[in-house]
């Protein structure tokens, strides 16, 4: 009987390990960047925000997402509101020896999220970044001295832009 329990426990442990290792299918494509900074991004981190959260709570939520993505928070996210009324969270993150600025913008709806992602992409291109990868939920670009990435989340309605 004890061996049977051990086999079941090991089986459940293996199933849990495979499920958390990303071996399950998702309905959204997972970014496949080649950047040094983006080698271990999980598409849906486990941090949950409260629907009535204020700016400090939302900043903590996004810092949790960044931590889930294996970033170290170098400069905590600060909150502001842009000219079109969207909340903006800015800070600095690092992974390994690479440090990047991050801007996260919350949006009101899917169209606004997609439009703002396009604005970030066009801004990066205007600053000399050359497109390396362009998908509906992810964009990346490079220059001779740096890289930029944009993650678009049309479920939670935010755009996350990194650059160095």
Protein backbone atom coordinates (compact mmCIF):
# COMPACT_ATOMS: atom_id res chain seq x y z
CA UNK A 1 0.00 0.00 0.00
CA UNK A 2 2.85 2.41 0.84
CA UNK A 3 4.46 1.86 -2.60
CA UNK A 4 1.13 2.64 -4.28
CA UNK A 5 0.88 5.98 -2.43
CA UNK A 6 4.49 6.79 -3.39
CA UNK A 7 3.80 6.06 -7.08
CA UNK A 8 0.70 8.27 -7.03
CA UNK A 9 2.56 11.09 -5.26
CA UNK A 10 5.45 10.93 -7.74
CA UNK A 11 2.97 10.89 -10.65
CA UNK A 12 1.18 13.97 -9.34
CA UNK A 13 4.52 15.70 -8.78
CA UNK A 14 5.56 14.98 -12.38
CA UNK A 15 2.25 16.26 -13.75
CA UNK A 16 2.59 19.44 -11.68
CA UNK A 17 6.19 19.92 -12.83
CA UNK A 18 5.28 19.50 -16.50
CA UNK A 19 2.29 21.86 -16.17
CA UNK A 20 4.37 24.60 -14.54
CA UNK A 21 7.26 24.15 -16.97
CA UNK A 22 5.20 25.51 -19.83
CA UNK A 23 4.48 22.20 -21.52
CA UNK A 24 0.78 22.93 -21.73
CA UNK A 25 -0.69 24.63 -24.76
CA UNK A 26 -1.99 28.20 -24.62
CA UNK A 27 -4.31 30.05 -26.94
CA UNK A 28 -1.89 32.98 -27.26
CA UNK A 29 1.51 32.75 -28.94
CA UNK A 30 4.44 33.02 -26.54
CA UNK A 31 7.09 35.57 -27.52
CA UNK A 32 10.29 34.06 -28.86
CA UNK A 33 12.78 36.87 -28.36
CA UNK A 34 16.51 36.35 -28.65
CA UNK A 35 17.46 39.12 -26.23
CA UNK A 36 19.70 38.54 -23.23
CA UNK A 37 17.05 40.19 -21.07
CA UNK A 38 14.08 38.12 -22.32
CA UNK A 39 15.07 34.51 -22.03
CA UNK A 40 12.58 33.27 -19.42
CA UNK A 41 9.26 35.12 -19.77
CA UNK A 42 6.15 33.31 -18.63
CA UNK A 43 3.12 34.44 -20.64
CA UNK A 44 0.73 34.71 -17.69
CA UNK A 45 2.42 35.37 -14.31
CA UNK A 46 0.60 34.33 -11.15
CA UNK A 47 0.26 37.76 -9.50
CA UNK A 48 -3.33 39.03 -9.24
CA UNK A 49 -4.38 42.68 -8.83
CA UNK A 50 -7.42 43.86 -6.95
CA UNK A 51 -10.04 45.46 -9.25
CA UNK A 52 -10.28 48.48 -6.91
CA UNK A 53 -6.53 48.85 -6.44
CA UNK A 54 -5.00 52.31 -6.22
CA UNK A 55 -1.74 53.39 -7.91
CA UNK A 56 0.50 51.94 -5.15
CA UNK A 57 -1.30 48.59 -5.31
CA UNK A 58 -1.11 48.55 -9.11
CA UNK A 59 2.61 49.41 -8.99
CA UNK A 60 3.10 46.49 -6.60
CA UNK A 61 1.09 44.26 -8.96
CA UNK A 62 3.32 45.18 -11.92
CA UNK A 63 6.47 44.78 -9.84
CA UNK A 64 5.18 41.30 -9.02
CA UNK A 65 4.75 40.59 -12.75
CA UNK A 66 8.29 41.80 -13.43
CA UNK A 67 9.63 39.66 -10.60
CA UNK A 68 7.73 36.65 -12.00
CA UNK A 69 9.51 37.37 -15.31
CA UNK A 70 12.83 36.98 -13.43
CA UNK A 71 13.68 40.71 -13.34
CA UNK A 72 15.27 42.39 -10.34
CA UNK A 73 13.62 45.73 -9.54
CA UNK A 74 16.40 48.33 -9.51
CA UNK A 75 14.18 51.42 -9.29
CA UNK A 76 10.63 50.87 -8.00
CA UNK A 77 7.79 51.85 -10.31
CA UNK A 78 6.57 55.42 -9.98
CA UNK A 79 3.08 56.46 -11.05
CA UNK A 80 1.96 59.31 -13.29
CA UNK A 81 -0.87 60.00 -15.72
CA UNK A 82 -0.11 60.76 -19.37
CA UNK A 83 -1.73 63.43 -21.56
CA UNK A 84 -4.50 61.06 -22.71
CA UNK A 85 -5.41 60.07 -19.15
CA UNK A 86 -3.81 56.62 -18.97
CA UNK A 87 -1.89 55.53 -15.86
CA UNK A 88 1.86 55.19 -16.45
CA UNK A 89 4.29 53.25 -14.25
CA UNK A 90 8.03 53.78 -14.81
CA UNK A 91 11.06 52.14 -13.23
CA UNK A 92 14.27 50.26 -13.89
CA UNK A 93 14.76 46.49 -13.97
CA UNK A 94 17.73 44.20 -14.47
CA UNK A 95 18.50 40.64 -15.37
CA UNK A 96 22.08 39.52 -15.20
CA UNK A 97 24.34 42.39 -16.28
CA UNK A 98 21.66 44.14 -18.37
CA UNK A 99 19.64 47.00 -16.90
CA UNK A 100 16.63 48.43 -18.75
CA UNK A 101 14.09 51.19 -18.27
CA UNK A 102 10.50 49.98 -18.18
CA UNK A 103 7.30 51.88 -18.87
CA UNK A 104 3.94 50.23 -18.25
CA UNK A 105 0.78 51.93 -19.48
CA UNK A 106 -2.69 50.77 -18.48
CA UNK A 107 -5.42 51.19 -21.07
CA UNK A 108 -9.23 51.33 -21.14
CA UNK A 109 -9.97 48.72 -23.82
CA UNK A 110 -8.39 46.37 -26.35
CA UNK A 111 -8.27 48.95 -29.15
CA UNK A 112 -6.59 51.51 -26.89
CA UNK A 113 -4.06 48.87 -25.80
CA UNK A 114 -3.24 47.95 -29.41
CA UNK A 115 -3.04 51.62 -30.46
CA UNK A 116 -0.71 52.50 -27.58
CA UNK A 117 1.53 49.50 -28.40
CA UNK A 118 1.76 50.77 -31.97
CA UNK A 119 2.65 54.24 -30.66
CA UNK A 120 5.48 52.77 -28.53
CA UNK A 121 6.72 50.74 -31.49
CA UNK A 122 6.70 53.78 -33.79
CA UNK A 123 8.51 55.83 -31.12
CA UNK A 124 11.24 53.18 -30.81
CA UNK A 125 11.59 52.99 -34.60
CA UNK A 126 11.78 56.79 -34.71
CA UNK A 127 14.64 56.63 -32.19
CA UNK A 128 16.58 54.29 -34.48
CA UNK A 129 15.58 50.84 -33.24
CA UNK A 130 15.35 48.35 -36.12
CA UNK A 131 12.52 45.80 -35.88
CA UNK A 132 13.72 42.30 -35.02
CA UNK A 133 10.39 40.65 -34.12
CA UNK A 134 6.88 41.98 -34.74
CA UNK A 135 3.87 40.03 -33.45
CA UNK A 136 0.45 41.08 -32.19
CA UNK A 137 1.47 40.66 -28.54
CA UNK A 138 5.21 41.34 -28.76
CA UNK A 139 7.65 43.61 -30.60
CA UNK A 140 11.42 43.88 -30.31
CA UNK A 141 14.02 46.06 -31.93
CA UNK A 142 17.74 46.73 -31.72
CA UNK A 143 20.25 49.51 -32.28
CA UNK A 144 24.03 49.38 -32.28
CA UNK A 145 24.00 50.13 -28.57
CA UNK A 146 20.72 48.79 -27.19
CA UNK A 147 17.49 46.87 -27.44
CA UNK A 148 13.78 47.58 -26.94
CA UNK A 149 10.80 45.29 -26.32
CA UNK A 150 7.07 45.79 -26.07
CA UNK A 151 4.69 43.30 -24.48
CA UNK A 152 0.99 43.82 -25.23
CA UNK A 153 -1.59 42.32 -22.88
CA UNK A 154 -5.10 42.71 -24.31
CA UNK A 155 -6.61 40.67 -21.46
CA UNK A 156 -5.43 42.84 -18.57
CA UNK A 157 -5.20 45.90 -20.89
CA UNK A 158 -1.65 47.14 -20.54
CA UNK A 159 1.45 47.79 -22.65
CA UNK A 160 4.87 47.08 -21.14
CA UNK A 161 7.84 48.69 -22.91
CA UNK A 162 11.51 48.03 -22.05
CA UNK A 163 14.57 49.70 -23.50
CA UNK A 164 18.25 50.32 -22.97
